[in-house]
Amino acid sequence: MLLSACSLGGPGTYYPEYRPAPGQGQYVRPVWLAPQPTPMIPPVDACNSQTYAGLLGQHEGAIFIPGLPGRKRVLKPAFTEGFDYEPTSSLYDNPPVLEVRDYLPSQVLYAPAITTVSDRINLGPYEEDRLTIELNQEGYVQEIRCG
């Protein structure tokens, strides 16, 4: 009698087999859950400028710039008396001259920087392995790039 109860009480005997309509009941993975590759620093970034993206918005006094590895330079707007530059004039978007500090590689003591004032147009040769940190007038980091 126990065997006959098992054969009669199967799930297919009381209910018809469920057959969903096309597209119904199928899980569709949302786009935001799709796997994405881990972002990496592009190989063309020879000076690892993206590594220092956390310095954006920091004041130059809070950064030990000579301690950053490799060649680097700091650009900061400067003013000279010979250019007749007026900060309120709308003729210039940026000051025409920059204070350029070039830091020698692996030299953190004893005169680590060479400071010059240069025209914005004549900044010197582009060097892709040199880290360039551009500051605003108050000394806060605005841009970090190679070159």
C-alpha atoms as a PDB file:
ATOM      1  CA  MET A   1       0.000   0.000   0.000  1.00  0.00           C
ATOM      2  CA  LEU A   2       2.923   2.375   0.714  1.00  0.00           C
ATOM      3  CA  LEU A   3       4.260   1.916  -2.806  1.00  0.00           C
ATOM      4  CA  SER A   4       0.941   2.731  -4.412  1.00  0.00           C
ATOM      5  CA  ALA A   5       0.713   6.035  -2.457  1.00  0.00           C
ATOM      6  CA  CYS A   6       4.097   7.142  -3.793  1.00  0.00           C
ATOM      7  CA  SER A   7       3.106   6.513  -7.378  1.00  0.00           C
ATOM      8  CA  LEU A   8      -0.163   8.445  -7.062  1.00  0.00           C
ATOM      9  CA  GLY A   9       1.169  11.424  -5.090  1.00  0.00           C
ATOM     10  CA  GLY A  10       3.775  12.716  -7.573  1.00  0.00           C
ATOM     11  CA  PRO A  11       3.844  16.466  -8.364  1.00  0.00           C
ATOM     12  CA  GLY A  12       2.869  15.914 -12.009  1.00  0.00           C
ATOM     13  CA  THR A  13      -0.318  14.094 -11.143  1.00  0.00           C
ATOM     14  CA  TYR A  14      -2.147  16.973  -9.436  1.00  0.00           C
ATOM     15  CA  TYR A  15      -0.931  20.067 -11.321  1.00  0.00           C
ATOM     16  CA  PRO A  16      -0.074  20.562 -14.972  1.00  0.00           C
ATOM     17  CA  GLU A  17       3.577  21.241 -15.785  1.00  0.00           C
ATOM     18  CA  TYR A  18       4.329  24.972 -15.729  1.00  0.00           C
ATOM     19  CA  ARG A  19       5.361  26.398 -19.094  1.00  0.00           C
ATOM     20  CA  PRO A  20       6.142  30.161 -18.996  1.00  0.00           C
ATOM     21  CA  ALA A  21       5.366  32.416 -21.922  1.00  0.00           C
ATOM     22  CA  PRO A  22       8.385  33.397 -24.012  1.00  0.00           C
ATOM     23  CA  GLY A  23      10.509  35.882 -22.026  1.00  0.00           C
ATOM     24  CA  GLN A  24       8.500  35.380 -18.837  1.00  0.00           C
ATOM     25  CA  GLY A  25      10.224  34.162 -15.723  1.00  0.00           C
ATOM     26  CA  GLN A  26      13.724  34.560 -17.141  1.00  0.00           C
ATOM     27  CA  TYR A  27      16.226  36.565 -15.103  1.00  0.00           C
ATOM     28  CA  VAL A  28      17.723  39.480 -17.016  1.00  0.00           C
ATOM     29  CA  ARG A  29      20.918  40.881 -15.500  1.00  0.00           C
ATOM     30  CA  PRO A  30      20.807  44.687 -15.178  1.00  0.00           C
ATOM     31  CA  VAL A  31      23.441  46.627 -17.100  1.00  0.00           C
ATOM     32  CA  TRP A  32      24.960  48.071 -13.927  1.00  0.00           C
ATOM     33  CA  LEU A  33      25.653  44.525 -12.668  1.00  0.00           C
ATOM     34  CA  ALA A  34      27.526  43.488 -15.814  1.00  0.00           C
ATOM     35  CA  PRO A  35      31.169  42.682 -15.082  1.00  0.00           C
ATOM     36  CA  GLN A  36      33.661  45.373 -16.061  1.00  0.00           C
ATOM     37  CA  PRO A  37      37.435  45.162 -16.271  1.00  0.00           C
ATOM     38  CA  THR A  38      39.428  46.756 -13.482  1.00  0.00           C
ATOM     39  CA  PRO A  39      40.584  50.222 -14.582  1.00  0.00           C
ATOM     40  CA  MET A  40      44.332  50.450 -14.954  1.00  0.00           C
ATOM     41  CA  ILE A  41      46.787  53.266 -15.513  1.00  0.00           C
ATOM     42  CA  PRO A  42      47.265  53.501 -19.273  1.00  0.00           C
ATOM     43  CA  PRO A  43      50.719  52.509 -20.479  1.00  0.00           C
ATOM     44  CA  VAL A  44      51.219  55.914 -22.150  1.00  0.00           C
ATOM     45  CA  ASP A  45      51.269  57.622 -18.741  1.00  0.00           C
ATOM     46  CA  ALA A  46      55.040  57.479 -18.348  1.00  0.00           C
ATOM     47  CA  CYS A  47      55.191  59.686 -15.233  1.00  0.00           C
ATOM     48  CA  ASN A  48      52.289  58.000 -13.332  1.00  0.00           C
ATOM     49  CA  SER A  49      50.373  61.284 -13.101  1.00  0.00           C
ATOM     50  CA  GLN A  50      47.097  59.448 -12.467  1.00  0.00           C
ATOM     51  CA  THR A  51      48.621  57.983  -9.322  1.00  0.00           C
ATOM     52  CA  TYR A  52      48.749  61.489  -7.847  1.00  0.00           C
ATOM     53  CA  ALA A  53      45.148  62.467  -8.730  1.00  0.00           C
ATOM     54  CA  GLY A  54      44.410  62.639  -4.987  1.00  0.00           C
ATOM     55  CA  LEU A  55      46.551  65.785  -4.786  1.00  0.00           C
ATOM     56  CA  LEU A  56      43.991  67.820  -6.756  1.00  0.00           C
ATOM     57  CA  GLY A  57      42.620  70.597  -4.594  1.00  0.00           C
ATOM     58  CA  GLN A  58      45.413  70.291  -2.001  1.00  0.00           C
ATOM     59  CA  HIS A  59      47.532  73.293  -1.062  1.00  0.00           C
ATOM     60  CA  GLU A  60      51.175  73.181  -2.111  1.00  0.00           C
ATOM     61  CA  GLY A  61      52.230  73.592   1.519  1.00  0.00           C
ATOM     62  CA  ALA A  62      50.595  70.256   2.383  1.00  0.00           C
ATOM     63  CA  ILE A  63      52.543  68.339  -0.287  1.00  0.00           C
ATOM     64  CA  PHE A  64      56.189  67.319   0.028  1.00  0.00           C
ATOM     65  CA  ILE A  65      56.886  67.859  -3.654  1.00  0.00           C
ATOM     66  CA  PRO A  66      60.621  66.994  -3.564  1.00  0.00           C
ATOM     67  CA  GLY A  67      59.668  63.607  -2.118  1.00  0.00           C
ATOM     68  CA  LEU A  68      57.615  62.610  -5.173  1.00  0.00           C
ATOM     69  CA  PRO A  69      59.711  60.232  -7.307  1.00  0.00           C
ATOM     70  CA  GLY A  70      61.119  61.147 -10.707  1.00  0.00           C
ATOM     71  CA  ARG A  71      61.428  64.452 -12.540  1.00  0.00           C
ATOM     72  CA  LYS A  72      58.814  67.061 -11.743  1.00  0.00           C
ATOM     73  CA  ARG A  73      58.006  70.728 -12.147  1.00  0.00           C
ATOM     74  CA  VAL A  74      55.512  73.088 -10.551  1.00  0.00           C
ATOM     75  CA  LEU A  75      53.775  75.860 -12.494  1.00  0.00           C
ATOM     76  CA  LYS A  76      52.236  78.793 -10.643  1.00  0.00           C
ATOM     77  CA  PRO A  77      50.857  82.063 -12.072  1.00  0.00           C
ATOM     78  CA  ALA A  78      53.258  84.956 -11.606  1.00  0.00           C
ATOM     79  CA  PHE A  79      53.223  88.677 -12.212  1.00  0.00           C
ATOM     80  CA  THR A  80      55.983  90.933 -13.456  1.00  0.00           C
ATOM     81  CA  GLU A  81      56.006  94.686 -13.657  1.00  0.00           C
ATOM     82  CA  GLY A  82      57.080  94.805 -17.291  1.00  0.00           C
ATOM     83  CA  PHE A  83      54.005  93.302 -18.942  1.00  0.00           C
ATOM     84  CA  ASP A  84      51.399  95.875 -17.834  1.00  0.00           C
ATOM     85  CA  TYR A  85      49.156  93.047 -16.718  1.00  0.00           C
ATOM     86  CA  GLU A  86      46.031  93.998 -14.820  1.00  0.00           C
ATOM     87  CA  PRO A  87      44.237  91.145 -13.000  1.00  0.00           C
ATOM     88  CA  THR A  88      40.838  92.795 -13.622  1.00  0.00           C
ATOM     89  CA  SER A  89      41.376  93.002 -17.385  1.00  0.00           C
ATOM     90  CA  SER A  90      39.389  90.501 -19.477  1.00  0.00           C
ATOM     91  CA  LEU A  91      42.114  90.474 -22.124  1.00  0.00           C
ATOM     92  CA  TYR A  92      43.926  87.566 -20.437  1.00  0.00           C
ATOM     93  CA  ASP A  93      42.286  84.373 -19.214  1.00  0.00           C
ATOM     94  CA  ASN A  94      45.456  83.449 -17.320  1.00  0.00           C
ATOM     95  CA  PRO A  95      48.449  85.540 -16.286  1.00  0.00           C
ATOM     96  CA  PRO A  96      50.942  85.682 -19.176  1.00  0.00           C
ATOM     97  CA  VAL A  97      53.916  84.535 -17.088  1.00  0.00           C
ATOM     98  CA  LEU A  98      54.421  81.534 -14.835  1.00  0.00           C
ATOM     99  CA  GLU A  99      56.738  80.767 -11.976  1.00  0.00           C
ATOM    100  CA  VAL A 100      58.369  77.480 -12.977  1.00  0.00           C
ATOM    101  CA  ARG A 101      60.054  75.301 -10.360  1.00  0.00           C
ATOM    102  CA  ASP A 102      61.998  72.358 -11.803  1.00  0.00           C
ATOM    103  CA  TYR A 103      62.874  69.654  -9.290  1.00  0.00           C
ATOM    104  CA  LEU A 104      65.856  67.491  -9.965  1.00  0.00           C
ATOM    105  CA  PRO A 105      65.245  63.724  -9.732  1.00  0.00           C
ATOM    106  CA  SER A 106      66.209  61.996  -6.473  1.00  0.00           C
ATOM    107  CA  GLN A 107      67.448  65.225  -4.901  1.00  0.00           C
ATOM    108  CA  VAL A 108      65.356  66.042  -1.853  1.00  0.00           C
ATOM    109  CA  LEU A 109      67.913  68.075   0.107  1.00  0.00           C
ATOM    110  CA  TYR A 110      70.215  70.991  -0.600  1.00  0.00           C
ATOM    111  CA  ALA A 111      68.508  73.277  -3.148  1.00  0.00           C
ATOM    112  CA  PRO A 112      66.033  70.827  -4.657  1.00  0.00           C
ATOM    113  CA  ALA A 113      64.428  73.259  -7.106  1.00  0.00           C
ATOM    114  CA  ILE A 114      65.441  75.674  -9.821  1.00  0.00           C
ATOM    115  CA  THR A 115      62.940  78.556  -9.956  1.00  0.00           C
ATOM    116  CA  THR A 116      62.499  80.684 -13.070  1.00  0.00           C
ATOM    117  CA  VAL A 117      59.829  83.008 -14.413  1.00  0.00           C
ATOM    118  CA  SER A 118      58.820  82.114 -17.940  1.00  0.00           C
ATOM    119  CA  ASP A 119      56.286  83.145 -20.530  1.00  0.00           C
ATOM    120  CA  ARG A 120      53.342  80.750 -20.808  1.00  0.00           C
ATOM    121  CA  ILE A 121      54.137  80.195 -24.493  1.00  0.00           C
ATOM    122  CA  ASN A 122      57.817  79.349 -23.889  1.00  0.00           C
ATOM    123  CA  LEU A 123      57.604  76.725 -21.161  1.00  0.00           C
ATOM    124  CA  GLY A 124      60.307  74.581 -22.663  1.00  0.00           C
ATOM    125  CA  PRO A 125      60.393  71.164 -24.282  1.00  0.00           C
ATOM    126  CA  TYR A 126      57.714  68.564 -23.640  1.00  0.00           C
ATOM    127  CA  GLU A 127      59.108  65.627 -21.646  1.00  0.00           C
ATOM    128  CA  GLU A 128      56.682  62.763 -21.204  1.00  0.00           C
ATOM    129  CA  ASP A 129      58.427  61.312 -18.144  1.00  0.00           C
ATOM    130  CA  ARG A 130      58.219  64.600 -16.188  1.00  0.00           C
ATOM    131  CA  LEU A 131      55.352  65.162 -13.732  1.00  0.00           C
ATOM    132  CA  THR A 132      53.849  68.649 -14.101  1.00  0.00           C
ATOM    133  CA  ILE A 133      51.797  70.088 -11.228  1.00  0.00           C
ATOM    134  CA  GLU A 134      49.885  73.254 -12.064  1.00  0.00           C
ATOM    135  CA  LEU A 135      48.760  75.521  -9.229  1.00  0.00           C
ATOM    136  CA  ASN A 136      46.312  78.410  -9.120  1.00  0.00           C
ATOM    137  CA  GLN A 137      47.193  81.865  -7.759  1.00  0.00           C
ATOM    138  CA  GLU A 138      46.463  80.821  -4.141  1.00  0.00           C
ATOM    139  CA  GLY A 139      48.728  77.747  -4.389  1.00  0.00           C
ATOM    140  CA  TYR A 140      46.114  74.975  -4.725  1.00  0.00           C
ATOM    141  CA  VAL A 141      46.720  72.113  -7.189  1.00  0.00           C
ATOM    142  CA  GLN A 142      44.528  72.530 -10.283  1.00  0.00           C
ATOM    143  CA  GLU A 143      45.998  69.990 -12.709  1.00  0.00           C
ATOM    144  CA  ILE A 144      48.466  67.103 -12.703  1.00  0.00           C
ATOM    145  CA  ARG A 145      49.786  65.807 -16.010  1.00  0.00           C
ATOM    146  CA  CYS A 146      52.857  64.485 -17.786  1.00  0.00           C
ATOM    147  CA  GLY A 147      54.912  66.882 -19.824  1.00  0.00           C
END
